[in-house]
Amino acid sequence: MKGIKLGLLGIALSLLGIAIAMGNVFAIAGAVIGALTALAGCFVKDK
């Protein structure tokens, strides 16, 4: 599952980069929230 979590984190960071390039404040805010959620998910233990 660690590989899946890192993959999702990579996708979230890619979307963050796209949002920053667009310059839309709402897109950047959503991407930051998504990236932080994916980063927090990397620290949650699997069952």
PDB file of N, CA and C in Angstrom:
ATOM      1  N   MET A   1       0.818  -1.205   0.000  1.00  0.00           N
ATOM      2  CA  MET A   1       0.000   0.000   0.000  1.00  0.00           C
ATOM      3  C   MET A   1       0.858   1.263   0.000  1.00  0.00           C
ATOM      4  N   LYS A   2       2.109   1.138   0.417  1.00  0.00           N
ATOM      5  CA  LYS A   2       2.962   2.328   0.475  1.00  0.00           C
ATOM      6  C   LYS A   2       3.177   2.906  -0.920  1.00  0.00           C
ATOM      7  N   GLY A   3       3.286   2.035  -1.922  1.00  0.00           N
ATOM      8  CA  GLY A   3       3.466   2.520  -3.284  1.00  0.00           C
ATOM      9  C   GLY A   3       2.265   3.288  -3.800  1.00  0.00           C
ATOM     10  N   ILE A   4       1.080   2.831  -3.421  1.00  0.00           N
ATOM     11  CA  ILE A   4      -0.141   3.520  -3.832  1.00  0.00           C
ATOM     12  C   ILE A   4      -0.216   4.894  -3.178  1.00  0.00           C
ATOM     13  N   LYS A   5       0.147   4.960  -1.902  1.00  0.00           N
ATOM     14  CA  LYS A   5       0.123   6.244  -1.198  1.00  0.00           C
ATOM     15  C   LYS A   5       1.107   7.227  -1.814  1.00  0.00           C
ATOM     16  N   LEU A   6       2.297   6.745  -2.169  1.00  0.00           N
ATOM     17  CA  LEU A   6       3.282   7.634  -2.788  1.00  0.00           C
ATOM     18  C   LEU A   6       2.831   8.057  -4.181  1.00  0.00           C
ATOM     19  N   GLY A   7       2.147   7.181  -4.891  1.00  0.00           N
ATOM     20  CA  GLY A   7       1.606   7.531  -6.198  1.00  0.00           C
ATOM     21  C   GLY A   7       0.557   8.624  -6.100  1.00  0.00           C
ATOM     22  N   LEU A   8      -0.314   8.496  -5.113  1.00  0.00           N
ATOM     23  CA  LEU A   8      -1.343   9.521  -4.906  1.00  0.00           C
ATOM     24  C   LEU A   8      -0.719  10.847  -4.493  1.00  0.00           C
ATOM     25  N   LEU A   9       0.346  10.787  -3.698  1.00  0.00           N
ATOM     26  CA  LEU A   9       1.043  12.011  -3.306  1.00  0.00           C
ATOM     27  C   LEU A   9       1.672  12.673  -4.527  1.00  0.00           C
ATOM     28  N   GLY A  10       2.236  11.873  -5.424  1.00  0.00           N
ATOM     29  CA  GLY A  10       2.804  12.418  -6.650  1.00  0.00           C
ATOM     30  C   GLY A  10       1.757  13.087  -7.526  1.00  0.00           C
ATOM     31  N   ILE A  11       0.599  12.476  -7.630  1.00  0.00           N
ATOM     32  CA  ILE A  11      -0.488  13.069  -8.416  1.00  0.00           C
ATOM     33  C   ILE A  11      -0.940  14.380  -7.785  1.00  0.00           C
ATOM     34  N   ALA A  12      -1.060  14.393  -6.447  1.00  0.00           N
ATOM     35  CA  ALA A  12      -1.489  15.606  -5.755  1.00  0.00           C
ATOM     36  C   ALA A  12      -0.483  16.738  -5.960  1.00  0.00           C
ATOM     37  N   LEU A  13       0.801  16.418  -5.919  1.00  0.00           N
ATOM     38  CA  LEU A  13       1.819  17.454  -6.115  1.00  0.00           C
ATOM     39  C   LEU A  13       1.852  17.927  -7.565  1.00  0.00           C
ATOM     40  N   SER A  14       1.574  17.041  -8.501  1.00  0.00           N
ATOM     41  CA  SER A  14       1.488  17.451  -9.901  1.00  0.00           C
ATOM     42  C   SER A  14       0.329  18.414 -10.116  1.00  0.00           C
ATOM     43  N   LEU A  15      -0.805  18.105  -9.500  1.00  0.00           N
ATOM     44  CA  LEU A  15      -1.959  19.000  -9.606  1.00  0.00           C
ATOM     45  C   LEU A  15      -1.682  20.333  -8.935  1.00  0.00           C
ATOM     46  N   LEU A  16      -0.916  20.314  -7.854  1.00  0.00           N
ATOM     47  CA  LEU A  16      -0.537  21.561  -7.193  1.00  0.00           C
ATOM     48  C   LEU A  16       0.324  22.416  -8.125  1.00  0.00           C
ATOM     49  N   GLY A  17       1.249  21.787  -8.820  1.00  0.00           N
ATOM     50  CA  GLY A  17       2.070  22.522  -9.775  1.00  0.00           C
ATOM     51  C   GLY A  17       1.256  23.123 -10.907  1.00  0.00           C
ATOM     52  N   ILE A  18       0.282  22.385 -11.398  1.00  0.00           N
ATOM     53  CA  ILE A  18      -0.587  22.901 -12.459  1.00  0.00           C
ATOM     54  C   ILE A  18      -1.416  24.081 -11.941  1.00  0.00           C
ATOM     55  N   ALA A  19      -1.920  23.961 -10.708  1.00  0.00           N
ATOM     56  CA  ALA A  19      -2.737  25.031 -10.139  1.00  0.00           C
ATOM     57  C   ALA A  19      -1.914  26.297  -9.941  1.00  0.00           C
ATOM     58  N   ILE A  20      -0.657  26.136  -9.516  1.00  0.00           N
ATOM     59  CA  ILE A  20       0.197  27.310  -9.336  1.00  0.00           C
ATOM     60  C   ILE A  20       0.489  27.961 -10.684  1.00  0.00           C
ATOM     61  N   ALA A  21       0.696  27.151 -11.702  1.00  0.00           N
ATOM     62  CA  ALA A  21       0.957  27.699 -13.033  1.00  0.00           C
ATOM     63  C   ALA A  21      -0.253  28.449 -13.579  1.00  0.00           C
ATOM     64  N   MET A  22      -1.461  27.997 -13.233  1.00  0.00           N
ATOM     65  CA  MET A  22      -2.670  28.678 -13.690  1.00  0.00           C
ATOM     66  C   MET A  22      -2.852  30.004 -12.981  1.00  0.00           C
ATOM     67  N   GLY A  23      -2.446  30.069 -11.726  1.00  0.00           N
ATOM     68  CA  GLY A  23      -2.582  31.312 -10.982  1.00  0.00           C
ATOM     69  C   GLY A  23      -3.957  31.542 -10.388  1.00  0.00           C
ATOM     70  N   ASN A  24      -4.825  30.551 -10.410  1.00  0.00           N
ATOM     71  CA  ASN A  24      -6.160  30.670  -9.838  1.00  0.00           C
ATOM     72  C   ASN A  24      -6.086  30.391  -8.339  1.00  0.00           C
ATOM     73  N   VAL A  25      -6.550  31.339  -7.531  1.00  0.00           N
ATOM     74  CA  VAL A  25      -6.443  31.222  -6.082  1.00  0.00           C
ATOM     75  C   VAL A  25      -7.239  30.029  -5.562  1.00  0.00           C
ATOM     76  N   PHE A  26      -8.414  29.802  -6.099  1.00  0.00           N
ATOM     77  CA  PHE A  26      -9.250  28.697  -5.629  1.00  0.00           C
ATOM     78  C   PHE A  26      -8.635  27.350  -6.010  1.00  0.00           C
ATOM     79  N   ALA A  27      -8.042  27.274  -7.187  1.00  0.00           N
ATOM     80  CA  ALA A  27      -7.378  26.036  -7.605  1.00  0.00           C
ATOM     81  C   ALA A  27      -6.167  25.761  -6.731  1.00  0.00           C
ATOM     82  N   ILE A  28      -5.417  26.805  -6.395  1.00  0.00           N
ATOM     83  CA  ILE A  28      -4.245  26.630  -5.533  1.00  0.00           C
ATOM     84  C   ILE A  28      -4.679  26.174  -4.140  1.00  0.00           C
ATOM     85  N   ALA A  29      -5.732  26.782  -3.606  1.00  0.00           N
ATOM     86  CA  ALA A  29      -6.214  26.396  -2.276  1.00  0.00           C
ATOM     87  C   ALA A  29      -6.675  24.942  -2.267  1.00  0.00           C
ATOM     88  N   GLY A  30      -7.406  24.533  -3.281  1.00  0.00           N
ATOM     89  CA  GLY A  30      -7.863  23.145  -3.362  1.00  0.00           C
ATOM     90  C   GLY A  30      -6.710  22.174  -3.521  1.00  0.00           C
ATOM     91  N   ALA A  31      -5.723  22.549  -4.312  1.00  0.00           N
ATOM     92  CA  ALA A  31      -4.573  21.681  -4.523  1.00  0.00           C
ATOM     93  C   ALA A  31      -3.727  21.552  -3.261  1.00  0.00           C
ATOM     94  N   VAL A  32      -3.598  22.635  -2.513  1.00  0.00           N
ATOM     95  CA  VAL A  32      -2.848  22.584  -1.247  1.00  0.00           C
ATOM     96  C   VAL A  32      -3.557  21.670  -0.257  1.00  0.00           C
ATOM     97  N   ILE A  33      -4.866  21.784  -0.169  1.00  0.00           N
ATOM     98  CA  ILE A  33      -5.634  20.916   0.729  1.00  0.00           C
ATOM     99  C   ILE A  33      -5.484  19.455   0.309  1.00  0.00           C
ATOM    100  N   GLY A  34      -5.553  19.194  -0.992  1.00  0.00           N
ATOM    101  CA  GLY A  34      -5.392  17.832  -1.490  1.00  0.00           C
ATOM    102  C   GLY A  34      -3.996  17.281  -1.230  1.00  0.00           C
ATOM    103  N   ALA A  35      -2.974  18.108  -1.418  1.00  0.00           N
ATOM    104  CA  ALA A  35      -1.600  17.671  -1.187  1.00  0.00           C
ATOM    105  C   ALA A  35      -1.357  17.394   0.300  1.00  0.00           C
ATOM    106  N   LEU A  36      -1.907  18.239   1.157  1.00  0.00           N
ATOM    107  CA  LEU A  36      -1.754  18.017   2.596  1.00  0.00           C
ATOM    108  C   LEU A  36      -2.482  16.754   3.052  1.00  0.00           C
ATOM    109  N   THR A  37      -3.645  16.495   2.462  1.00  0.00           N
ATOM    110  CA  THR A  37      -4.385  15.277   2.789  1.00  0.00           C
ATOM    111  C   THR A  37      -3.622  14.038   2.335  1.00  0.00           C
ATOM    112  N   ALA A  38      -3.043  14.091   1.146  1.00  0.00           N
ATOM    113  CA  ALA A  38      -2.262  12.961   0.644  1.00  0.00           C
ATOM    114  C   ALA A  38      -0.999  12.764   1.478  1.00  0.00           C
ATOM    115  N   LEU A  39      -0.373  13.861   1.907  1.00  0.00           N
ATOM    116  CA  LEU A  39       0.815  13.765   2.741  1.00  0.00           C
ATOM    117  C   LEU A  39       0.472  13.175   4.105  1.00  0.00           C
ATOM    118  N   ALA A  40      -0.652  13.586   4.676  1.00  0.00           N
ATOM    119  CA  ALA A  40      -1.077  13.028   5.960  1.00  0.00           C
ATOM    120  C   ALA A  40      -1.408  11.552   5.822  1.00  0.00           C
ATOM    121  N   GLY A  41      -1.937  11.144   4.683  1.00  0.00           N
ATOM    122  CA  GLY A  41      -2.258   9.748   4.450  1.00  0.00           C
ATOM    123  C   GLY A  41      -1.021   8.858   4.407  1.00  0.00           C
ATOM    124  N   CYS A  42       0.118   9.430   4.076  1.00  0.00           N
ATOM    125  CA  CYS A  42       1.360   8.648   4.054  1.00  0.00           C
ATOM    126  C   CYS A  42       1.795   8.251   5.460  1.00  0.00           C
ATOM    127  N   PHE A  43       1.366   9.003   6.469  1.00  0.00           N
ATOM    128  CA  PHE A  43       1.767   8.726   7.838  1.00  0.00           C
ATOM    129  C   PHE A  43       0.773   7.864   8.610  1.00  0.00           C
ATOM    130  N   VAL A  44      -0.392   7.586   8.012  1.00  0.00           N
ATOM    131  CA  VAL A  44      -1.387   6.738   8.652  1.00  0.00           C
ATOM    132  C   VAL A  44      -1.001   5.287   8.418  1.00  0.00           C
ATOM    133  N   LYS A  45      -1.039   4.492   9.478  1.00  0.00           N
ATOM    134  CA  LYS A  45      -0.653   3.090   9.359  1.00  0.00           C
ATOM    135  C   LYS A  45      -1.748   2.291   8.663  1.00  0.00           C
ATOM    136  N   ASP A  46      -1.320   1.326   7.856  1.00  0.00           N
ATOM    137  CA  ASP A  46      -2.259   0.442   7.175  1.00  0.00           C
ATOM    138  C   ASP A  46      -2.746  -0.619   8.158  1.00  0.00           C
ATOM    139  N   LYS A  47      -3.936  -1.142   7.878  1.00  0.00           N
ATOM    140  CA  LYS A  47      -4.477  -2.192   8.742  1.00  0.00           C
ATOM    141  C   LYS A  47      -3.958  -3.543   8.343  1.00  0.00           C
TER     142      LYS A  47
END
